[in-house]
Structures are given as C-alpha cells and as structure tokens.
C-alpha cells in the first residue's frame, strides 16, 4: 500500500491567526469575490507542513514486552512440586517415607540410600540426625526441645506444637506426586512414640490439601527384651493404638519389626553394624516388592501393581526373604516358601491363619528358572494354601528373571493378627 501524507497540518500562528484568516475569506465572499484561488491561497499561506510529516499507516508493529506462554506456564505449573525418585528401574507405587524420632529417621535414611527422594525425618534432637545421609533440607528438628528423654508425652507435645510447620515440610519434602506415605517409628522411646499419631494426622491433612485419596502405612520397630519397664509399656500402648487404627482403616499396612527377632538371625553381628543391617533388611525387602511388581514376568507368572496395592491394603502385614542356592527337585521351591513365611524376619508373634493376602516373588537367573517345573509351582501354591485357614485368602505368585545368585524368594502376608 502506497504511503499518503496526512492532510491535517499544524498552524504556525495558532488559533488566533486562524480566526483572522477565516474572517478575511468571509469578507472576500461578501464583496462578491467567489474565486476559489483566493481561498486556496489564503489557506496555503496560513498552514504549512511540519518539518517531519506524520504518516497515517504504520509499516511495522512495534515490539511488545514478552508475555509468558500460557501453554508452557501450564506445563511448568503441572510439574511444580513433583519430586522424582533417583533409583534404577520402575516402581509400582509412588512412595513417601516420613520418620519420627531416631529409629524412624534411620529407617527413612535407608530408603533415601535406596534412591527414594520423597523423604522427611522429624526429631527433637539435633545430635540424632548427625549420621543421616539424606539432604539437610529433608531433616527437620523441632525447636524448643533437646530430645524427649524416652518420654512419649514430651514427644507428643513437641510434634503437636509444630503441627503446622511439619505439615508445610510434608509439602516441601514429599511433593504432590505421592500415592502412599509410610510413617516410620521406633516404639518405646520418646519422640517417635509420642509423635507417631500426630504424624498420621499430618499425613491425612496433607492428602486433603492435595485433594487426593492417598494412603498411609506405618512401619514400627519394637524394643528388644533387654529394655524393661516403661519402654516396653509405652511400646505396647502405641502398637495397640496402631492396631485400632488398622481396624478403622486409618492406616494400612502396619508392619511391626521385632529387632529381637532380627538379632536372633545375626547373633554375632557387632553393635555398630546391627541396626544398619536391620534397617537394610526391612527397607530392602519392602523396596523389592515395590520394584519387582512394576515389571512383567517373562513366563507369565505376574504379581502386578494392582496386586501389590491390594496387598498393602490388607492391614497388619509381615514379610521375609530367603535364598535357595539351587532348585534340586519339585519340592525345593515349596519347602523354601513355607519356611520363609513361618520364619519371618519381622515379627514372630503373628497368627498367619487369618491372612487375606499372601504374595510370593521368585527371582532367579535364566539357568535356575529353567529348572522350575510346572509341578514345582503347583506344589508351592498348594503348600502356601495349607498355611491359611481363611477360605477367601488370595495367593499371588510371581516368577521373574534377573541376574542374581541362586533363587531369591520374597514373601509378604497381610491381614494377619497379633496373637493374644
């Protein structure tokens, strides 16, 4: 399009001169002089172009300030607050781990070492956090307290006083892509025992604020028999309360870890190595179930993510692990599985007959898998079935190939009860 100059010009003399020139034109007309050239001459003498003409048409749209791309902003907002694990492979459930007190913090720290990153340790004493590997930002010490001195009332007071601060830490350290929170507690002490139920309540409010139906489970360690008096009583009180919460559906699973039972399996272990090994066993088996069930079996015997989630909803749960060096005959597998269920590493005082769900994972290299016959699998399932009297028990068997030594067997049973 051609450029045209604006016909509107600016007067050099202002509005007063304009009025005078118009009057001159009027007088010329009254005198009978209707010559157009007089009007034209008068106008041209009174109005001139400015030094720089103003143009009507803009060639190029000027640059605007940059505005955020709303599509990109929406995608970024969706990722905000998402915390991803840093562990190899997949998982069936997006787990978060929260520890209360020294024992609970050490359990969560082991999960951190396994690559889980939705982790938080809460305690009343700075010195109890000194050996943790997790980032300092994932550790929270409640101000105004210097430990709880094995007094649960002090622990409860500390956790309740900092309720809102702990809730904010949940959001910061766990993010928003969480399906299940496992509260890790040591029973019998002060901070963990006193703060356990507060952490459960915080987890419930956390899921409410996220607007999702998340699940909450508890891993609780019991004191050894050498610890007497108030420690044992406080542990029993907490476990009874947690059992009641299982019945109401507040928590699942509830996993009770008997350190005394683990000690019987490793009698010669040094005190420096015992608790790290115990934590490695407890968290390691839990991690194996969460990881292995995310994969497909090459031979069609799967325990998938949905099966695993059903297992976790069974209430009181126990699990164990063993290794068979070699499959010798069709009964080797069944014998190992039954022995593994009975000799659980976690809590021996459980009634297995009431179980609602029994899950077994078999992991072996290709050479060992080729030695497992169909009859061996059938005998294994039949042997597990005879352990439970509940006619509605669900038994899941998964067989997976992995570069491992021997045949590794992981078993988990939920819906069990404490023996009176």
Protein backbone atom coordinates (compact mmCIF):
# COMPACT_ATOMS: atom_id res chain seq x y z
CA UNK A 1 0.00 0.00 0.00
CA UNK A 2 1.37 3.46 -1.01
CA UNK A 3 2.23 5.98 1.61
CA UNK A 4 -0.02 9.05 1.84
CA UNK A 5 0.72 12.17 3.82
CA UNK A 6 -1.72 13.34 6.41
CA UNK A 7 -3.92 16.20 5.11
CA UNK A 8 -4.17 17.62 8.59
CA UNK A 9 -1.47 20.24 9.08
CA UNK A 10 -0.37 22.25 12.06
CA UNK A 11 -0.73 26.08 12.10
CA UNK A 12 2.37 28.11 12.80
CA UNK A 13 0.43 31.02 14.16
CA UNK A 14 -2.03 29.33 16.43
CA UNK A 15 -5.75 29.57 16.79
CA UNK A 16 -5.93 33.39 16.85
CA UNK A 17 -4.34 33.69 13.39
CA UNK A 18 -6.66 31.00 12.07
CA UNK A 19 -9.67 33.05 13.18
CA UNK A 20 -8.30 36.13 11.38
CA UNK A 21 -7.76 34.34 8.11
CA UNK A 22 -11.23 32.83 8.15
CA UNK A 23 -12.71 36.31 8.62
CA UNK A 24 -10.71 37.54 5.61
CA UNK A 25 -12.21 34.79 3.44
CA UNK A 26 -15.70 35.69 4.63
CA UNK A 27 -15.19 39.36 3.75
CA UNK A 28 -13.96 38.40 0.25
CA UNK A 29 -17.09 36.36 -0.31
CA UNK A 30 -19.36 39.22 0.90
CA UNK A 31 -17.61 41.52 -1.56
CA UNK A 32 -18.64 39.15 -4.34
CA UNK A 33 -15.27 37.63 -4.83
CA UNK A 34 -16.01 33.91 -5.04
CA UNK A 35 -12.75 32.98 -6.60
CA UNK A 36 -11.54 29.65 -5.20
CA UNK A 37 -7.95 30.60 -5.74
CA UNK A 38 -8.30 33.33 -3.07
CA UNK A 39 -9.43 30.73 -0.51
CA UNK A 40 -6.75 28.31 -1.65
CA UNK A 41 -4.05 30.99 -1.47
CA UNK A 42 -5.18 32.10 2.00
CA UNK A 43 -5.17 28.55 3.35
CA UNK A 44 -1.78 27.71 1.82
CA UNK A 45 -0.28 30.91 3.26
CA UNK A 46 -1.59 30.16 6.77
CA UNK A 47 -0.90 26.39 7.03
CA UNK A 48 2.36 24.67 6.25
CA UNK A 49 3.68 21.14 6.70
CA UNK A 50 5.64 20.41 9.83
CA UNK A 51 9.29 19.67 9.42
CA UNK A 52 8.55 15.91 9.71
CA UNK A 53 5.31 14.75 8.20
CA UNK A 54 3.11 12.43 10.28
CA UNK A 55 2.13 9.33 8.40
CA UNK A 56 -1.23 7.56 8.73
CA UNK A 57 -0.02 3.99 8.10
CA UNK A 58 2.40 2.09 10.40
CA UNK A 59 4.81 -0.07 8.49
CA UNK A 60 5.90 -2.46 11.28
CA UNK A 61 4.15 -3.43 14.53
CA UNK A 62 6.37 -2.34 17.39
CA UNK A 63 7.94 -4.87 19.73
CA UNK A 64 5.83 -5.71 22.78
CA UNK A 65 7.11 -6.76 26.16
CA UNK A 66 7.47 -10.53 26.36
CA UNK A 67 4.47 -12.30 27.94
CA UNK A 68 4.73 -15.84 29.30
CA UNK A 69 3.47 -18.58 27.05
CA UNK A 70 0.37 -19.88 28.83
CA UNK A 71 0.78 -23.39 27.47
CA UNK A 72 4.35 -23.55 28.71
CA UNK A 73 3.28 -21.98 32.00
CA UNK A 74 0.58 -24.60 32.46
CA UNK A 75 3.07 -27.39 31.79
CA UNK A 76 5.54 -25.88 34.24
CA UNK A 77 2.82 -25.49 36.86
CA UNK A 78 1.89 -29.14 36.44
CA UNK A 79 5.48 -30.16 37.20
CA UNK A 80 5.89 -27.75 40.11
CA UNK A 81 6.16 -29.68 43.35
CA UNK A 82 6.76 -33.01 41.60
CA UNK A 83 9.60 -34.96 43.24
CA UNK A 84 11.05 -37.90 41.37
CA UNK A 85 12.99 -40.79 42.87
CA UNK A 86 16.61 -41.32 41.90
CA UNK A 87 16.65 -45.08 41.85
CA UNK A 88 17.16 -47.51 38.98
CA UNK A 89 14.10 -49.02 37.42
CA UNK A 90 10.39 -48.52 37.93
CA UNK A 91 8.15 -48.78 40.99
CA UNK A 92 4.51 -49.82 41.39
CA UNK A 93 3.66 -47.18 44.00
CA UNK A 94 4.95 -43.61 44.38
CA UNK A 95 6.06 -43.97 47.98
CA UNK A 96 6.99 -41.31 50.50
CA UNK A 97 8.72 -42.05 53.80
CA UNK A 98 8.46 -39.96 56.97
CA UNK A 99 10.43 -40.86 60.08
CA UNK A 100 9.70 -39.73 63.63
CA UNK A 101 12.44 -39.95 66.25
CA UNK A 102 15.86 -41.51 65.92
CA UNK A 103 14.81 -45.03 64.88
CA UNK A 104 12.26 -43.72 62.37
CA UNK A 105 14.77 -41.29 60.89
CA UNK A 106 17.30 -44.09 60.39
CA UNK A 107 14.71 -46.20 58.54
CA UNK A 108 13.87 -43.29 56.24
CA UNK A 109 17.57 -42.66 55.71
CA UNK A 110 17.92 -46.23 54.42
CA UNK A 111 15.09 -45.56 51.96
CA UNK A 112 16.99 -42.46 50.85
CA UNK A 113 20.08 -44.61 50.22
CA UNK A 114 17.92 -46.88 48.04
CA UNK A 115 17.08 -43.87 45.85
CA UNK A 116 13.73 -42.73 47.22
CA UNK A 117 13.56 -38.95 47.37
CA UNK A 118 10.16 -38.21 48.89
CA UNK A 119 11.64 -38.43 52.38
CA UNK A 120 11.40 -36.47 55.63
CA UNK A 121 12.95 -37.09 59.06
CA UNK A 122 11.48 -35.26 62.10
CA UNK A 123 13.09 -35.29 65.51
CA UNK A 124 13.50 -33.30 68.71
CA UNK A 125 17.31 -33.59 68.94
CA UNK A 126 19.97 -32.35 66.51
CA UNK A 127 22.52 -34.94 67.60
CA UNK A 128 20.25 -37.79 66.50
CA UNK A 129 20.42 -36.53 62.91
CA UNK A 130 24.21 -36.40 62.65
CA UNK A 131 24.68 -39.75 60.92
CA UNK A 132 21.94 -39.35 58.29
CA UNK A 133 22.83 -39.41 54.60
CA UNK A 134 19.76 -37.58 53.31
CA UNK A 135 19.90 -33.90 52.40
CA UNK A 136 19.71 -31.46 55.30
CA UNK A 137 16.62 -29.93 53.70
CA UNK A 138 14.87 -33.27 54.30
CA UNK A 139 15.69 -33.19 58.01
CA UNK A 140 13.57 -31.19 60.43
CA UNK A 141 14.45 -30.66 64.11
CA UNK A 142 11.65 -29.28 66.28
CA UNK A 143 12.83 -26.12 68.02
CA UNK A 144 12.47 -25.67 71.75
CA UNK A 145 13.27 -29.29 72.61
CA UNK A 146 16.51 -31.14 73.22
CA UNK A 147 15.31 -34.70 72.85
CA UNK A 148 12.37 -36.32 74.63
CA UNK A 149 14.24 -38.48 77.13
CA UNK A 150 12.20 -41.60 76.23
CA UNK A 151 9.11 -39.74 77.43
CA UNK A 152 6.28 -40.02 74.86
CA UNK A 153 4.41 -37.13 76.47
CA UNK A 154 7.29 -34.80 75.64
CA UNK A 155 7.41 -36.16 72.10
CA UNK A 156 3.68 -35.70 71.65
CA UNK A 157 3.89 -32.11 72.94
CA UNK A 158 6.74 -31.30 70.55
CA UNK A 159 5.04 -32.71 67.46
CA UNK A 160 1.67 -31.14 68.26
CA UNK A 161 3.27 -27.74 68.94
CA UNK A 162 4.92 -27.79 65.50
CA UNK A 163 1.95 -29.36 63.70
CA UNK A 164 1.60 -26.65 61.03
CA UNK A 165 5.34 -26.47 60.44
CA UNK A 166 5.52 -30.23 59.99
CA UNK A 167 2.62 -30.07 57.53
CA UNK A 168 4.47 -27.46 55.48
CA UNK A 169 7.54 -29.72 55.50
CA UNK A 170 5.40 -32.54 54.12
CA UNK A 171 4.56 -30.36 51.11
CA UNK A 172 8.16 -29.26 50.63
CA UNK A 173 9.86 -32.64 51.01
CA UNK A 174 7.23 -35.07 49.69
CA UNK A 175 5.87 -33.03 46.78
CA UNK A 176 2.49 -33.64 45.22
CA UNK A 177 3.06 -36.88 43.25
CA UNK A 178 2.57 -39.18 46.25
CA UNK A 179 0.32 -42.23 46.44
CA UNK A 180 1.26 -43.64 49.83
CA UNK A 181 3.13 -42.33 52.86
CA UNK A 182 4.90 -44.79 55.14
CA UNK A 183 5.35 -43.40 58.65
CA UNK A 184 8.45 -44.95 60.26
CA UNK A 185 8.58 -45.04 64.06
CA UNK A 186 10.54 -46.63 66.88
CA UNK A 187 8.18 -47.75 69.65
CA UNK A 188 9.14 -47.34 73.28
CA UNK A 189 11.13 -44.12 73.02
CA UNK A 190 10.02 -40.51 73.36
CA UNK A 191 9.97 -38.58 70.09
CA UNK A 192 8.82 -41.36 67.75
CA UNK A 193 6.37 -42.96 70.14
CA UNK A 194 4.86 -39.64 71.20
CA UNK A 195 4.77 -38.15 67.71
CA UNK A 196 3.54 -41.19 65.77
CA UNK A 197 -0.18 -40.44 65.79
CA UNK A 198 0.47 -36.74 65.15
CA UNK A 199 2.41 -37.67 62.00
CA UNK A 200 -0.52 -39.82 60.88
CA UNK A 201 -2.88 -36.85 61.34
CA UNK A 202 -0.48 -34.56 59.46
CA UNK A 203 -0.35 -37.09 56.61
CA UNK A 204 -4.17 -37.12 56.47
CA UNK A 205 -4.29 -33.31 56.27
CA UNK A 206 -1.51 -33.34 53.69
CA UNK A 207 -3.56 -35.54 51.36
CA UNK A 208 -6.65 -33.40 51.99
CA UNK A 209 -4.78 -30.26 50.96
CA UNK A 210 -3.56 -32.01 47.82
CA UNK A 211 -7.11 -33.13 47.10
CA UNK A 212 -6.15 -36.77 46.57
CA UNK A 213 -7.08 -40.02 48.30
CA UNK A 214 -3.63 -41.04 49.41
CA UNK A 215 -2.91 -43.98 51.68
CA UNK A 216 -0.95 -44.06 54.92
CA UNK A 217 1.01 -47.00 56.30
CA UNK A 218 3.24 -47.44 59.35
CA UNK A 219 6.50 -49.30 59.95
CA UNK A 220 7.13 -49.57 63.70
CA UNK A 221 10.11 -51.18 65.40
CA UNK A 222 9.72 -52.75 68.84
CA UNK A 223 12.32 -52.56 71.61
CA UNK A 224 14.38 -55.61 72.48
CA UNK A 225 13.51 -57.64 75.56
CA UNK A 226 16.54 -56.26 77.38
CA UNK A 227 14.75 -52.92 77.60
CA UNK A 228 12.39 -53.17 80.54
CA UNK A 229 9.69 -51.21 82.36
CA UNK A 230 8.29 -48.03 80.84
CA UNK A 231 9.90 -48.64 77.44
CA UNK A 232 8.03 -51.92 76.94
CA UNK A 233 4.77 -50.48 78.28
CA UNK A 234 4.95 -47.44 76.02
CA UNK A 235 5.70 -49.65 73.03
CA UNK A 236 2.69 -51.87 73.82
CA UNK A 237 0.41 -48.83 74.19
CA UNK A 238 1.49 -47.43 70.81
CA UNK A 239 1.13 -50.75 68.97
CA UNK A 240 -2.35 -51.27 70.45
CA UNK A 241 -3.35 -47.81 69.23
CA UNK A 242 -1.94 -48.50 65.78
CA UNK A 243 -3.84 -51.79 65.64
CA UNK A 244 -7.04 -49.87 66.38
CA UNK A 245 -6.24 -47.51 63.52
CA UNK A 246 -5.85 -50.51 61.23
CA UNK A 247 -9.37 -51.62 62.18
CA UNK A 248 -10.82 -48.18 61.40
CA UNK A 249 -8.97 -48.02 58.07
CA UNK A 250 -6.79 -45.04 59.03
CA UNK A 251 -3.58 -46.90 58.24
CA UNK A 252 -2.51 -49.87 56.09
CA UNK A 253 -0.24 -51.62 56.07
CA UNK A 254 1.03 -51.83 59.64
CA UNK A 255 4.42 -53.55 59.65
CA UNK A 256 5.82 -54.48 63.07
CA UNK A 257 9.58 -55.01 63.16
CA UNK A 258 10.91 -57.04 66.08
CA UNK A 259 14.58 -56.13 66.43
CA UNK A 260 14.98 -59.05 68.81
CA UNK A 261 13.85 -61.44 66.08
CA UNK A 262 16.35 -59.97 63.62
CA UNK A 263 19.07 -60.22 66.28
CA UNK A 264 18.46 -63.97 66.56
CA UNK A 265 19.29 -64.34 62.87
CA UNK A 266 22.55 -62.37 63.26
CA UNK A 267 23.83 -63.25 66.74
CA UNK A 268 27.45 -62.42 66.01
CA UNK A 269 26.84 -59.02 64.41
CA UNK A 270 28.64 -56.09 66.03
CA UNK A 271 26.54 -53.39 67.64
CA UNK A 272 27.94 -50.89 65.13
CA UNK A 273 26.62 -52.93 62.20
CA UNK A 274 23.47 -54.47 63.64
CA UNK A 275 20.97 -51.60 63.31
CA UNK A 276 22.19 -50.55 59.84
CA UNK A 277 21.83 -54.20 58.73
CA UNK A 278 18.38 -54.48 60.33
CA UNK A 279 17.24 -51.28 58.56
CA UNK A 280 18.72 -52.54 55.30
CA UNK A 281 16.70 -55.76 55.58
CA UNK A 282 13.42 -54.04 56.49
CA UNK A 283 13.63 -51.37 53.79
CA UNK A 284 15.30 -53.61 51.22
CA UNK A 285 12.53 -56.23 51.12
CA UNK A 286 9.88 -53.51 51.03
CA UNK A 287 11.70 -51.91 48.09
CA UNK A 288 11.96 -55.24 46.24
CA UNK A 289 8.20 -55.72 46.32
CA UNK A 290 7.62 -52.16 45.13
CA UNK A 291 10.14 -52.55 42.30
CA UNK A 292 9.66 -56.12 41.06
CA UNK A 293 5.86 -55.80 40.82
CA UNK A 294 6.35 -52.97 38.32
CA UNK A 295 7.76 -55.43 35.77
CA UNK A 296 6.27 -58.22 33.67
CA UNK A 297 7.28 -61.82 34.13
CA UNK A 298 8.86 -63.42 31.04
CA UNK A 299 6.97 -66.65 31.76
CA UNK A 300 3.56 -65.20 32.55
CA UNK A 301 3.53 -65.50 36.36
CA UNK A 302 2.97 -61.87 37.33
CA UNK A 303 2.24 -60.02 40.54
CA UNK A 304 1.34 -56.65 39.09
CA UNK A 305 0.98 -53.21 40.65
CA UNK A 306 -2.72 -53.68 41.36
CA UNK A 307 -1.98 -56.93 43.21
CA UNK A 308 0.70 -55.18 45.23
CA UNK A 309 -1.61 -52.32 46.19
CA UNK A 310 -4.21 -54.84 47.34
CA UNK A 311 -1.54 -56.49 49.48
CA UNK A 312 -0.73 -53.13 51.08
CA UNK A 313 -4.41 -52.60 51.94
CA UNK A 314 -4.54 -55.83 53.98
CA UNK A 315 -3.83 -54.21 57.35
CA UNK A 316 -1.25 -55.89 59.58
CA UNK A 317 1.49 -57.25 57.31
CA UNK A 318 4.74 -59.16 57.61
CA UNK A 319 7.35 -60.21 55.09
CA UNK A 320 10.60 -62.07 54.72
CA UNK A 321 13.30 -63.18 52.31
CA UNK A 322 15.50 -66.19 51.74
CA UNK A 323 17.74 -67.64 49.03
CA UNK A 324 17.92 -71.17 47.68
CA UNK A 325 21.25 -71.93 46.09
CA UNK A 326 19.79 -74.38 43.60
CA UNK A 327 16.47 -75.97 42.60
CA UNK A 328 17.12 -79.68 43.18
CA UNK A 329 13.62 -81.14 42.71
CA UNK A 330 9.92 -80.25 42.51
CA UNK A 331 9.59 -79.77 46.31
CA UNK A 332 12.55 -77.42 46.82
CA UNK A 333 10.55 -74.31 46.00
CA UNK A 334 7.56 -75.20 48.18
CA UNK A 335 9.73 -76.04 51.19
CA UNK A 336 11.65 -72.78 50.93
CA UNK A 337 8.50 -70.68 50.58
CA UNK A 338 6.73 -72.22 53.59
CA UNK A 339 9.84 -71.92 55.74
CA UNK A 340 10.25 -68.29 54.69
CA UNK A 341 6.67 -67.41 55.67
CA UNK A 342 6.91 -69.13 59.05
CA UNK A 343 10.35 -67.76 59.90
CA UNK A 344 9.54 -64.15 59.17
CA UNK A 345 12.31 -61.69 59.86
CA UNK A 346 9.98 -59.07 61.24
CA UNK A 347 7.57 -60.18 63.93
CA UNK A 348 7.21 -63.79 65.10
CA UNK A 349 4.11 -63.35 67.27
CA UNK A 350 1.59 -63.27 64.43
CA UNK A 351 -1.35 -65.51 63.62
CA UNK A 352 -0.96 -66.34 59.92
CA UNK A 353 -4.16 -68.39 59.66
CA UNK A 354 -6.30 -65.25 59.31
CA UNK A 355 -4.32 -63.90 56.34
CA UNK A 356 -6.29 -62.34 53.50
CA UNK A 357 -3.41 -61.97 51.05
CA UNK A 358 -0.20 -63.96 50.55
CA UNK A 359 2.24 -62.85 47.89
CA UNK A 360 5.44 -64.59 46.87
CA UNK A 361 8.06 -63.31 44.44
CA UNK A 362 10.63 -65.68 42.97
CA UNK A 363 13.63 -64.08 41.27
CA UNK A 364 16.30 -66.17 39.56
CA UNK A 365 18.65 -66.20 36.63
CA UNK A 366 17.71 -67.97 33.41
CA UNK A 367 19.62 -71.14 34.27
CA UNK A 368 17.73 -71.59 37.56
CA UNK A 369 14.38 -70.63 36.02
CA UNK A 370 14.75 -73.45 33.53
CA UNK A 371 14.85 -75.89 36.46
CA UNK A 372 11.48 -74.76 37.86
CA UNK A 373 8.77 -77.07 36.56
CA UNK A 374 5.02 -76.53 36.45
CA UNK A 375 4.61 -79.21 39.13
CA UNK A 376 7.03 -77.31 41.36
CA UNK A 377 4.93 -74.14 41.05
CA UNK A 378 1.70 -76.03 41.79
CA UNK A 379 3.22 -77.66 44.88
CA UNK A 380 4.42 -74.26 46.11
CA UNK A 381 0.95 -72.70 45.83
CA UNK A 382 -0.68 -75.72 47.49
CA UNK A 383 1.79 -75.55 50.36
CA UNK A 384 1.05 -71.87 50.93
CA UNK A 385 -2.69 -72.53 50.85
CA UNK A 386 -2.40 -75.05 53.70
CA UNK A 387 -0.85 -72.39 55.95
CA UNK A 388 -4.02 -70.29 55.94
CA UNK A 389 -7.49 -71.28 57.12
CA UNK A 390 -9.22 -68.24 55.68
CA UNK A 391 -11.13 -69.63 52.66
CA UNK A 392 -11.05 -66.21 50.97
CA UNK A 393 -7.28 -65.77 51.12
CA UNK A 394 -5.73 -64.61 47.85
CA UNK A 395 -2.40 -66.14 46.91
CA UNK A 396 -0.24 -64.45 44.29
CA UNK A 397 2.91 -65.97 42.84
CA UNK A 398 5.27 -64.04 40.60
CA UNK A 399 8.31 -65.53 38.87
CA UNK A 400 10.88 -63.14 37.40
CA UNK A 401 14.20 -63.34 35.61
CA UNK A 402 17.11 -61.28 36.92
CA UNK A 403 20.91 -61.66 37.11
CA UNK A 404 21.03 -62.96 40.69
CA UNK A 405 22.79 -65.69 42.63
CA UNK A 406 20.62 -68.70 43.33
CA UNK A 407 16.86 -68.36 43.67
CA UNK A 408 15.69 -65.41 45.76
CA UNK A 409 12.30 -65.73 47.45
CA UNK A 410 10.41 -62.78 48.92
CA UNK A 411 7.14 -63.41 50.77
CA UNK A 412 4.60 -60.98 52.19
CA UNK A 413 1.43 -61.80 54.09
CA UNK A 414 -1.24 -59.25 55.05
CA UNK A 415 -4.47 -59.50 57.01
CA UNK A 416 -2.71 -61.34 59.83
CA UNK A 417 -3.44 -60.78 63.53
CA UNK A 418 -1.41 -60.45 66.69
CA UNK A 419 -1.63 -63.49 68.94
CA UNK A 420 -3.23 -62.61 72.26
